[in-house]
Amino acid sequence: MLSISSCAATVIGAPIIVAMGDASGAAAKVGIAGALLTFGVFTTGLMHLYTKPYVHKMWVTNLPKDSTKESWDAIQVKVERLGIFANRKTETFAVGDTKPYEGWHPLGTFQHKNYPMYLDRDHFPDADLYNYISGAEVEEEEEEEEEEEGEEHDADDKKRTT
């Protein structure tokens, strides 16, 4: 909300800068007002773009008691994010409808309907569920496979050189 307030202040203040004082130096005033207006709108838009995927709250509605990975796809979650005017947006979906995030956004843990969402690993209570949603387990398995392949190639290279 602070960013929207500062954007509103620049949008209101820029014309006031131009209107204040005498007519001399009007071009300079318009230039300064335009630069302030552009900077205020640009930084607000950039901040919103950066923080848009952040999940503020997440509720798990039907966590199974057995908590096996096969049953995790059926878990229903409700996530709450904030819009540009600090309005709350909620979505409910199954964990099975998500996939690990692959995109350009720096804040992306998983995606639902090709939209990035970010969960803070340090504040997420269930590490196993976090790893499942974010695809961290898959990445770790792929890294282990790559390490094993690298070790096999190293062993083959040693055999060839001896």
N, C-alpha and C. Protein backbone atom coordinates (compact mmCIF):
# COMPACT_ATOMS: atom_id res chain seq x y z
N MET A 1 0.83 -1.20 0.00
CA MET A 1 0.00 0.00 0.00
C MET A 1 0.87 1.26 0.00
N LEU A 2 2.04 1.15 0.60
CA LEU A 2 2.96 2.29 0.62
C LEU A 2 3.36 2.69 -0.78
N SER A 3 3.60 1.70 -1.64
CA SER A 3 4.01 1.99 -3.01
C SER A 3 2.90 2.69 -3.78
N ILE A 4 1.66 2.25 -3.57
CA ILE A 4 0.53 2.91 -4.24
C ILE A 4 0.39 4.35 -3.74
N SER A 5 0.59 4.55 -2.44
CA SER A 5 0.51 5.91 -1.88
C SER A 5 1.58 6.81 -2.47
N SER A 6 2.80 6.31 -2.59
CA SER A 6 3.86 7.14 -3.17
C SER A 6 3.60 7.39 -4.66
N CYS A 7 3.04 6.41 -5.36
CA CYS A 7 2.69 6.61 -6.76
C CYS A 7 1.60 7.68 -6.90
N ALA A 8 0.60 7.61 -6.04
CA ALA A 8 -0.46 8.62 -6.06
C ALA A 8 0.10 10.00 -5.75
N ALA A 9 1.04 10.08 -4.82
CA ALA A 9 1.66 11.37 -4.49
C ALA A 9 2.41 11.94 -5.69
N THR A 10 3.10 11.10 -6.45
CA THR A 10 3.81 11.61 -7.62
C THR A 10 2.86 12.00 -8.74
N VAL A 11 1.78 11.25 -8.89
CA VAL A 11 0.79 11.58 -9.93
C VAL A 11 0.09 12.90 -9.61
N ILE A 12 -0.19 13.14 -8.34
CA ILE A 12 -0.83 14.40 -7.93
C ILE A 12 0.19 15.53 -7.87
N GLY A 13 1.38 15.21 -7.38
CA GLY A 13 2.39 16.24 -7.18
C GLY A 13 3.02 16.76 -8.45
N ALA A 14 3.14 15.93 -9.48
CA ALA A 14 3.79 16.34 -10.72
C ALA A 14 3.10 17.54 -11.37
N PRO A 15 1.78 17.54 -11.54
CA PRO A 15 1.14 18.74 -12.10
C PRO A 15 1.24 19.96 -11.19
N ILE A 16 1.28 19.76 -9.89
CA ILE A 16 1.41 20.89 -8.96
C ILE A 16 2.77 21.55 -9.14
N ILE A 17 3.83 20.75 -9.37
CA ILE A 17 5.15 21.31 -9.61
C ILE A 17 5.14 22.21 -10.84
N VAL A 18 4.46 21.78 -11.88
CA VAL A 18 4.39 22.55 -13.12
C VAL A 18 3.59 23.83 -12.91
N ALA A 19 2.50 23.75 -12.15
CA ALA A 19 1.61 24.90 -11.98
C ALA A 19 2.16 25.94 -10.99
N MET A 20 3.02 25.54 -10.09
CA MET A 20 3.53 26.48 -9.08
C MET A 20 4.52 27.47 -9.68
N GLY A 21 4.52 28.66 -9.18
CA GLY A 21 5.50 29.66 -9.56
C GLY A 21 5.15 30.37 -10.85
N ASP A 22 6.14 31.11 -11.35
CA ASP A 22 5.91 31.88 -12.57
C ASP A 22 6.18 31.02 -13.81
N ALA A 23 5.97 31.61 -14.96
CA ALA A 23 6.06 30.87 -16.21
C ALA A 23 7.50 30.64 -16.66
N SER A 24 8.44 31.35 -16.06
CA SER A 24 9.83 31.15 -16.49
C SER A 24 10.33 29.78 -16.04
N GLY A 25 11.02 29.12 -16.89
CA GLY A 25 11.54 27.78 -16.59
C GLY A 25 10.46 26.71 -16.66
N ALA A 26 9.41 26.93 -17.43
CA ALA A 26 8.31 25.98 -17.53
C ALA A 26 8.78 24.65 -18.13
N ALA A 27 9.68 24.73 -19.09
CA ALA A 27 10.17 23.49 -19.72
C ALA A 27 10.92 22.63 -18.71
N ALA A 28 11.71 23.27 -17.86
CA ALA A 28 12.45 22.53 -16.83
C ALA A 28 11.49 21.89 -15.84
N LYS A 29 10.44 22.65 -15.46
CA LYS A 29 9.45 22.11 -14.52
C LYS A 29 8.72 20.91 -15.12
N VAL A 30 8.37 20.99 -16.38
CA VAL A 30 7.69 19.88 -17.04
C VAL A 30 8.62 18.67 -17.12
N GLY A 31 9.88 18.93 -17.40
CA GLY A 31 10.85 17.83 -17.46
C GLY A 31 11.02 17.15 -16.11
N ILE A 32 11.14 17.93 -15.05
CA ILE A 32 11.29 17.36 -13.71
C ILE A 32 10.02 16.62 -13.30
N ALA A 33 8.86 17.24 -13.55
CA ALA A 33 7.60 16.59 -13.21
C ALA A 33 7.42 15.28 -13.98
N GLY A 34 7.78 15.29 -15.27
CA GLY A 34 7.67 14.08 -16.07
C GLY A 34 8.60 12.97 -15.57
N ALA A 35 9.81 13.35 -15.18
CA ALA A 35 10.76 12.36 -14.66
C ALA A 35 10.25 11.78 -13.34
N LEU A 36 9.73 12.63 -12.45
CA LEU A 36 9.18 12.14 -11.19
C LEU A 36 7.99 11.23 -11.41
N LEU A 37 7.12 11.63 -12.31
CA LEU A 37 5.93 10.84 -12.60
C LEU A 37 6.32 9.47 -13.18
N THR A 38 7.24 9.46 -14.12
CA THR A 38 7.69 8.21 -14.72
C THR A 38 8.34 7.31 -13.68
N PHE A 39 9.19 7.88 -12.84
CA PHE A 39 9.87 7.11 -11.81
C PHE A 39 8.87 6.52 -10.81
N GLY A 40 7.89 7.30 -10.37
CA GLY A 40 6.90 6.82 -9.41
C GLY A 40 6.05 5.69 -9.96
N VAL A 41 5.58 5.82 -11.17
CA VAL A 41 4.74 4.77 -11.77
C VAL A 41 5.58 3.54 -12.08
N PHE A 42 6.79 3.72 -12.59
CA PHE A 42 7.65 2.60 -12.94
C PHE A 42 8.03 1.78 -11.71
N THR A 43 8.44 2.43 -10.64
CA THR A 43 8.85 1.67 -9.45
C THR A 43 7.67 0.96 -8.80
N THR A 44 6.49 1.57 -8.82
CA THR A 44 5.31 0.90 -8.27
C THR A 44 4.97 -0.33 -9.10
N GLY A 45 4.99 -0.19 -10.41
CA GLY A 45 4.72 -1.34 -11.28
C GLY A 45 5.75 -2.44 -11.12
N LEU A 46 7.01 -2.06 -10.99
CA LEU A 46 8.07 -3.04 -10.82
C LEU A 46 7.95 -3.77 -9.48
N MET A 47 7.62 -3.04 -8.43
CA MET A 47 7.44 -3.67 -7.13
C MET A 47 6.27 -4.65 -7.15
N HIS A 48 5.18 -4.25 -7.79
CA HIS A 48 4.03 -5.14 -7.89
C HIS A 48 4.38 -6.40 -8.71
N LEU A 49 5.08 -6.22 -9.80
CA LEU A 49 5.47 -7.36 -10.62
C LEU A 49 6.35 -8.33 -9.84
N TYR A 50 7.25 -7.80 -9.02
CA TYR A 50 8.16 -8.64 -8.25
C TYR A 50 7.46 -9.39 -7.12
N THR A 51 6.54 -8.73 -6.42
CA THR A 51 5.91 -9.34 -5.24
C THR A 51 4.59 -10.04 -5.54
N LYS A 52 4.11 -9.97 -6.74
CA LYS A 52 2.81 -10.54 -7.09
C LYS A 52 2.67 -12.03 -6.78
N PRO A 53 3.69 -12.88 -7.01
CA PRO A 53 3.52 -14.32 -6.76
C PRO A 53 3.59 -14.71 -5.28
N TYR A 54 3.95 -13.80 -4.39
CA TYR A 54 4.18 -14.16 -2.99
C TYR A 54 2.88 -14.63 -2.33
N VAL A 55 2.90 -15.83 -1.76
CA VAL A 55 1.74 -16.38 -1.05
C VAL A 55 1.84 -15.95 0.40
N HIS A 56 0.87 -15.13 0.83
CA HIS A 56 0.88 -14.63 2.21
C HIS A 56 0.36 -15.66 3.20
N LYS A 57 -0.67 -16.38 2.80
CA LYS A 57 -1.24 -17.42 3.66
C LYS A 57 -1.59 -18.62 2.81
N MET A 58 -1.45 -19.79 3.43
CA MET A 58 -1.81 -21.03 2.73
C MET A 58 -2.46 -21.96 3.73
N TRP A 59 -3.63 -22.45 3.39
CA TRP A 59 -4.36 -23.38 4.24
C TRP A 59 -4.42 -24.73 3.54
N VAL A 60 -4.17 -25.78 4.27
CA VAL A 60 -4.31 -27.14 3.76
C VAL A 60 -5.62 -27.67 4.31
N THR A 61 -6.56 -27.99 3.41
CA THR A 61 -7.92 -28.31 3.87
C THR A 61 -8.14 -29.79 4.16
N ASN A 62 -7.43 -30.69 3.50
CA ASN A 62 -7.69 -32.11 3.73
C ASN A 62 -6.38 -32.91 3.74
N LEU A 63 -5.52 -32.61 4.69
CA LEU A 63 -4.25 -33.31 4.80
C LEU A 63 -4.52 -34.74 5.25
N PRO A 64 -4.11 -35.74 4.46
CA PRO A 64 -4.37 -37.13 4.84
C PRO A 64 -3.51 -37.54 6.04
N LYS A 65 -4.05 -38.48 6.82
CA LYS A 65 -3.33 -38.93 8.01
C LYS A 65 -2.12 -39.78 7.66
N ASP A 66 -2.20 -40.54 6.56
CA ASP A 66 -1.08 -41.40 6.20
C ASP A 66 0.08 -40.60 5.61
N SER A 67 -0.21 -39.46 5.00
CA SER A 67 0.78 -38.54 4.46
C SER A 67 1.81 -39.22 3.57
N THR A 68 1.33 -40.09 2.68
CA THR A 68 2.22 -40.67 1.68
C THR A 68 2.20 -39.77 0.46
N LYS A 69 3.27 -39.80 -0.29
CA LYS A 69 3.39 -38.91 -1.44
C LYS A 69 2.31 -39.17 -2.49
N GLU A 70 1.83 -40.40 -2.57
CA GLU A 70 0.77 -40.71 -3.53
C GLU A 70 -0.53 -39.99 -3.18
N SER A 71 -0.75 -39.75 -1.90
CA SER A 71 -1.98 -39.09 -1.48
C SER A 71 -1.86 -37.56 -1.49
N TRP A 72 -0.66 -37.03 -1.68
CA TRP A 72 -0.48 -35.58 -1.64
C TRP A 72 -1.12 -34.87 -2.82
N ASP A 73 -1.25 -35.54 -3.96
CA ASP A 73 -1.86 -34.89 -5.12
C ASP A 73 -3.31 -34.50 -4.87
N ALA A 74 -3.98 -35.20 -3.96
CA ALA A 74 -5.39 -34.93 -3.68
C ALA A 74 -5.58 -33.82 -2.62
N ILE A 75 -4.52 -33.37 -2.00
CA ILE A 75 -4.63 -32.34 -0.96
C ILE A 75 -5.14 -31.05 -1.59
N GLN A 76 -6.16 -30.48 -0.97
CA GLN A 76 -6.69 -29.19 -1.40
C GLN A 76 -6.01 -28.09 -0.60
N VAL A 77 -5.52 -27.08 -1.29
CA VAL A 77 -4.91 -25.93 -0.60
C VAL A 77 -5.64 -24.66 -1.02
N LYS A 78 -5.65 -23.73 -0.11
CA LYS A 78 -6.22 -22.42 -0.38
C LYS A 78 -5.10 -21.42 -0.14
N VAL A 79 -4.77 -20.62 -1.14
CA VAL A 79 -3.70 -19.65 -1.01
C VAL A 79 -4.26 -18.24 -1.08
N GLU A 80 -3.61 -17.35 -0.35
CA GLU A 80 -4.01 -15.94 -0.34
C GLU A 80 -2.82 -15.09 -0.75
N ARG A 81 -3.04 -14.26 -1.76
CA ARG A 81 -2.03 -13.32 -2.22
C ARG A 81 -2.64 -11.93 -2.20
N LEU A 82 -1.80 -10.91 -2.32
CA LEU A 82 -2.29 -9.53 -2.32
C LEU A 82 -2.16 -8.94 -3.72
N GLY A 83 -3.16 -8.15 -4.10
CA GLY A 83 -3.13 -7.45 -5.37
C GLY A 83 -2.44 -6.11 -5.23
N ILE A 84 -2.45 -5.33 -6.28
CA ILE A 84 -1.72 -4.06 -6.29
C ILE A 84 -2.29 -3.04 -5.30
N PHE A 85 -3.58 -3.13 -5.01
CA PHE A 85 -4.20 -2.22 -4.05
C PHE A 85 -4.38 -2.88 -2.69
N ALA A 86 -3.59 -3.89 -2.39
CA ALA A 86 -3.61 -4.65 -1.12
C ALA A 86 -4.93 -5.39 -0.91
N ASN A 87 -5.63 -5.67 -2.00
CA ASN A 87 -6.83 -6.48 -1.89
C ASN A 87 -6.43 -7.95 -1.88
N ARG A 88 -7.13 -8.74 -1.08
CA ARG A 88 -6.79 -10.15 -0.92
C ARG A 88 -7.41 -10.98 -2.04
N LYS A 89 -6.57 -11.82 -2.65
CA LYS A 89 -7.02 -12.72 -3.70
C LYS A 89 -6.79 -14.14 -3.21
N THR A 90 -7.84 -14.95 -3.23
CA THR A 90 -7.70 -16.34 -2.78
C THR A 90 -8.02 -17.29 -3.93
N GLU A 91 -7.31 -18.40 -3.91
CA GLU A 91 -7.53 -19.47 -4.88
C GLU A 91 -7.50 -20.79 -4.15
N THR A 92 -8.33 -21.72 -4.57
CA THR A 92 -8.32 -23.06 -4.01
C THR A 92 -8.05 -24.04 -5.14
N PHE A 93 -7.12 -24.96 -4.91
CA PHE A 93 -6.78 -25.94 -5.92
C PHE A 93 -6.12 -27.15 -5.26
N ALA A 94 -6.01 -28.22 -6.03
CA ALA A 94 -5.37 -29.44 -5.54
C ALA A 94 -3.87 -29.35 -5.79
N VAL A 95 -3.10 -29.95 -4.90
CA VAL A 95 -1.65 -29.96 -5.05
C VAL A 95 -1.25 -30.65 -6.35
N GLY A 96 -2.04 -31.63 -6.78
CA GLY A 96 -1.76 -32.33 -8.03
C GLY A 96 -1.90 -31.45 -9.26
N ASP A 97 -2.59 -30.30 -9.13
CA ASP A 97 -2.76 -29.38 -10.25
C ASP A 97 -1.58 -28.43 -10.39
N THR A 98 -0.60 -28.53 -9.51
CA THR A 98 0.56 -27.64 -9.55
C THR A 98 1.74 -28.36 -10.20
N LYS A 99 2.70 -27.58 -10.59
CA LYS A 99 3.95 -28.15 -11.09
C LYS A 99 5.08 -27.19 -10.70
N PRO A 100 6.30 -27.70 -10.64
CA PRO A 100 7.43 -26.83 -10.28
C PRO A 100 7.53 -25.67 -11.26
N TYR A 101 7.92 -24.52 -10.76
CA TYR A 101 7.98 -23.31 -11.58
C TYR A 101 9.21 -23.33 -12.48
N GLU A 102 8.97 -23.06 -13.74
CA GLU A 102 10.04 -22.91 -14.72
C GLU A 102 9.74 -21.64 -15.50
N GLY A 103 10.41 -20.58 -15.15
CA GLY A 103 10.16 -19.32 -15.84
C GLY A 103 11.19 -18.28 -15.46
N TRP A 104 10.92 -17.04 -15.83
CA TRP A 104 11.87 -15.96 -15.66
C TRP A 104 11.75 -15.26 -14.32
N HIS A 105 10.63 -15.41 -13.63
CA HIS A 105 10.39 -14.64 -12.41
C HIS A 105 11.30 -15.12 -11.28
N PRO A 106 11.95 -14.19 -10.57
CA PRO A 106 12.85 -14.62 -9.49
C PRO A 106 12.13 -15.24 -8.30
N LEU A 107 10.87 -14.90 -8.10
CA LEU A 107 10.09 -15.49 -7.01
C LEU A 107 9.11 -16.49 -7.60
N GLY A 108 9.52 -17.70 -7.70
CA GLY A 108 8.64 -18.74 -8.21
C GLY A 108 9.02 -20.08 -7.61
N THR A 109 8.15 -20.63 -6.78
CA THR A 109 8.38 -21.93 -6.19
C THR A 109 7.63 -23.00 -6.98
N PHE A 110 6.38 -22.68 -7.32
CA PHE A 110 5.57 -23.60 -8.10
C PHE A 110 4.63 -22.77 -8.96
N GLN A 111 3.92 -23.43 -9.85
CA GLN A 111 2.95 -22.71 -10.68
C GLN A 111 1.64 -23.47 -10.72
N HIS A 112 0.60 -22.69 -10.79
CA HIS A 112 -0.75 -23.22 -10.93
C HIS A 112 -1.38 -22.47 -12.10
N LYS A 113 -1.84 -23.20 -13.08
CA LYS A 113 -2.39 -22.60 -14.30
C LYS A 113 -1.38 -21.64 -14.94
N ASN A 114 -0.12 -22.06 -15.00
CA ASN A 114 0.97 -21.28 -15.60
C ASN A 114 1.20 -19.94 -14.92
N TYR A 115 0.76 -19.80 -13.68
CA TYR A 115 0.98 -18.57 -12.93
C TYR A 115 1.93 -18.87 -11.77
N PRO A 116 3.03 -18.13 -11.65
CA PRO A 116 3.99 -18.44 -10.59
C PRO A 116 3.45 -18.07 -9.20
N MET A 117 3.80 -18.90 -8.23
CA MET A 117 3.49 -18.63 -6.83
C MET A 117 4.75 -18.92 -6.03
N TYR A 118 4.95 -18.14 -4.98
CA TYR A 118 6.16 -18.25 -4.18
C TYR A 118 5.82 -18.60 -2.75
N LEU A 119 6.44 -19.66 -2.24
CA LEU A 119 6.34 -20.04 -0.83
C LEU A 119 7.71 -19.84 -0.20
N ASP A 120 7.72 -19.26 0.97
CA ASP A 120 8.96 -19.04 1.69
C ASP A 120 9.37 -20.32 2.40
N ARG A 121 10.46 -20.92 1.99
CA ARG A 121 10.91 -22.20 2.54
C ARG A 121 11.14 -22.11 4.05
N ASP A 122 11.66 -21.00 4.53
CA ASP A 122 11.98 -20.86 5.95
C ASP A 122 10.75 -20.79 6.84
N HIS A 123 9.61 -20.41 6.28
CA HIS A 123 8.39 -20.27 7.08
C HIS A 123 7.32 -21.29 6.71
N PHE A 124 7.69 -22.30 5.94
CA PHE A 124 6.73 -23.34 5.56
C PHE A 124 6.88 -24.49 6.55
N PRO A 125 5.80 -24.88 7.24
CA PRO A 125 5.93 -25.83 8.35
C PRO A 125 6.25 -27.27 7.95
N ASP A 126 5.87 -27.72 6.77
CA ASP A 126 6.08 -29.11 6.36
C ASP A 126 7.10 -29.16 5.23
N ALA A 127 8.33 -29.52 5.57
CA ALA A 127 9.42 -29.52 4.58
C ALA A 127 9.18 -30.53 3.46
N ASP A 128 8.61 -31.69 3.80
CA ASP A 128 8.35 -32.70 2.77
C ASP A 128 7.32 -32.22 1.76
N LEU A 129 6.24 -31.61 2.26
CA LEU A 129 5.21 -31.08 1.36
C LEU A 129 5.77 -29.93 0.52
N TYR A 130 6.60 -29.09 1.12
CA TYR A 130 7.24 -28.00 0.37
C TYR A 130 8.09 -28.57 -0.77
N ASN A 131 8.90 -29.57 -0.47
CA ASN A 131 9.74 -30.18 -1.50
C ASN A 131 8.91 -30.82 -2.60
N TYR A 132 7.77 -31.41 -2.22
CA TYR A 132 6.90 -32.03 -3.21
C TYR A 132 6.27 -30.98 -4.12
N ILE A 133 5.77 -29.89 -3.54
CA ILE A 133 5.12 -28.85 -4.32
C ILE A 133 6.13 -28.13 -5.22
N SER A 134 7.30 -27.83 -4.67
CA SER A 134 8.28 -27.04 -5.42
C SER A 134 9.08 -27.88 -6.42
N GLY A 135 9.00 -29.19 -6.29
CA GLY A 135 9.77 -30.05 -7.18
C GLY A 135 11.21 -30.19 -6.75
N ALA A 136 11.52 -29.81 -5.51
CA ALA A 136 12.90 -29.89 -5.03
C ALA A 136 13.39 -31.32 -4.99
N GLU A 137 12.49 -32.27 -4.69
CA GLU A 137 12.88 -33.68 -4.66
C GLU A 137 13.33 -34.14 -6.04
N VAL A 138 12.61 -33.73 -7.05
CA VAL A 138 12.94 -34.12 -8.42
C VAL A 138 14.30 -33.55 -8.80
N GLU A 139 14.54 -32.28 -8.44
CA GLU A 139 15.82 -31.66 -8.74
C GLU A 139 16.96 -32.38 -8.03
N GLU A 140 16.75 -32.75 -6.75
CA GLU A 140 17.78 -33.46 -6.00
C GLU A 140 18.06 -34.82 -6.63
N GLU A 141 17.03 -35.55 -7.06
CA GLU A 141 17.21 -36.85 -7.70
C GLU A 141 17.97 -36.69 -9.02
N GLU A 142 17.64 -35.64 -9.80
CA GLU A 142 18.34 -35.41 -11.06
C GLU A 142 19.81 -35.08 -10.80
N GLU A 143 20.10 -34.29 -9.76
CA GLU A 143 21.48 -33.96 -9.43
C GLU A 143 22.24 -35.21 -9.02
N GLU A 144 21.59 -36.09 -8.23
CA GLU A 144 22.25 -37.33 -7.82
C GLU A 144 22.54 -38.21 -9.03
N GLU A 145 21.59 -38.29 -9.99
CA GLU A 145 21.80 -39.08 -11.19
C GLU A 145 22.95 -38.51 -12.02
N GLU A 146 23.02 -37.17 -12.11
CA GLU A 146 24.10 -36.54 -12.85
C GLU A 146 25.44 -36.82 -12.18
N GLU A 147 25.47 -36.79 -10.84
CA GLU A 147 26.71 -37.08 -10.12
C GLU A 147 27.14 -38.53 -10.36
N GLU A 148 26.17 -39.45 -10.33
CA GLU A 148 26.49 -40.86 -10.59
C GLU A 148 27.01 -41.05 -12.00
N GLU A 149 26.40 -40.38 -12.98
CA GLU A 149 26.87 -40.48 -14.36
C GLU A 149 28.27 -39.90 -14.48
N GLY A 150 28.52 -38.80 -13.78
CA GLY A 150 29.85 -38.19 -13.80
C GLY A 150 30.89 -39.11 -13.21
N GLU A 151 30.54 -39.81 -12.12
CA GLU A 151 31.46 -40.75 -11.51
C GLU A 151 31.74 -41.93 -12.44
N GLU A 152 30.70 -42.40 -13.17
CA GLU A 152 30.88 -43.48 -14.13
C GLU A 152 31.82 -43.05 -15.25
N HIS A 153 31.64 -41.82 -15.73
CA HIS A 153 32.51 -41.30 -16.80
C HIS A 153 33.94 -41.16 -16.29
N ASP A 154 34.11 -40.73 -15.05
CA ASP A 154 35.45 -40.60 -14.47
C ASP A 154 36.12 -41.97 -14.38
N ALA A 155 35.34 -42.98 -13.97
CA ALA A 155 35.88 -44.34 -13.87
C ALA A 155 36.28 -44.86 -15.25
N ASP A 156 35.45 -44.58 -16.27
CA ASP A 156 35.76 -45.00 -17.64
C ASP A 156 37.03 -44.31 -18.13
N ASP A 157 37.17 -43.01 -17.82
CA ASP A 157 38.37 -42.27 -18.23
C ASP A 157 39.61 -42.84 -17.57
N LYS A 158 39.52 -43.23 -16.29
CA LYS A 158 40.66 -43.81 -15.57
C LYS A 158 41.07 -45.14 -16.20
N LYS A 159 40.07 -45.95 -16.60
CA LYS A 159 40.36 -47.23 -17.23
C LYS A 159 41.10 -47.04 -18.55
N ARG A 160 40.68 -46.02 -19.29
CA ARG A 160 41.29 -45.76 -20.60
C ARG A 160 42.73 -45.27 -20.47
N THR A 161 43.01 -44.50 -19.45
CA THR A 161 44.35 -43.93 -19.30
C THR A 161 45.34 -44.93 -18.71
N THR A 162 44.88 -45.98 -18.06
CA THR A 162 45.79 -46.96 -17.47
C THR A 162 46.07 -48.11 -18.38
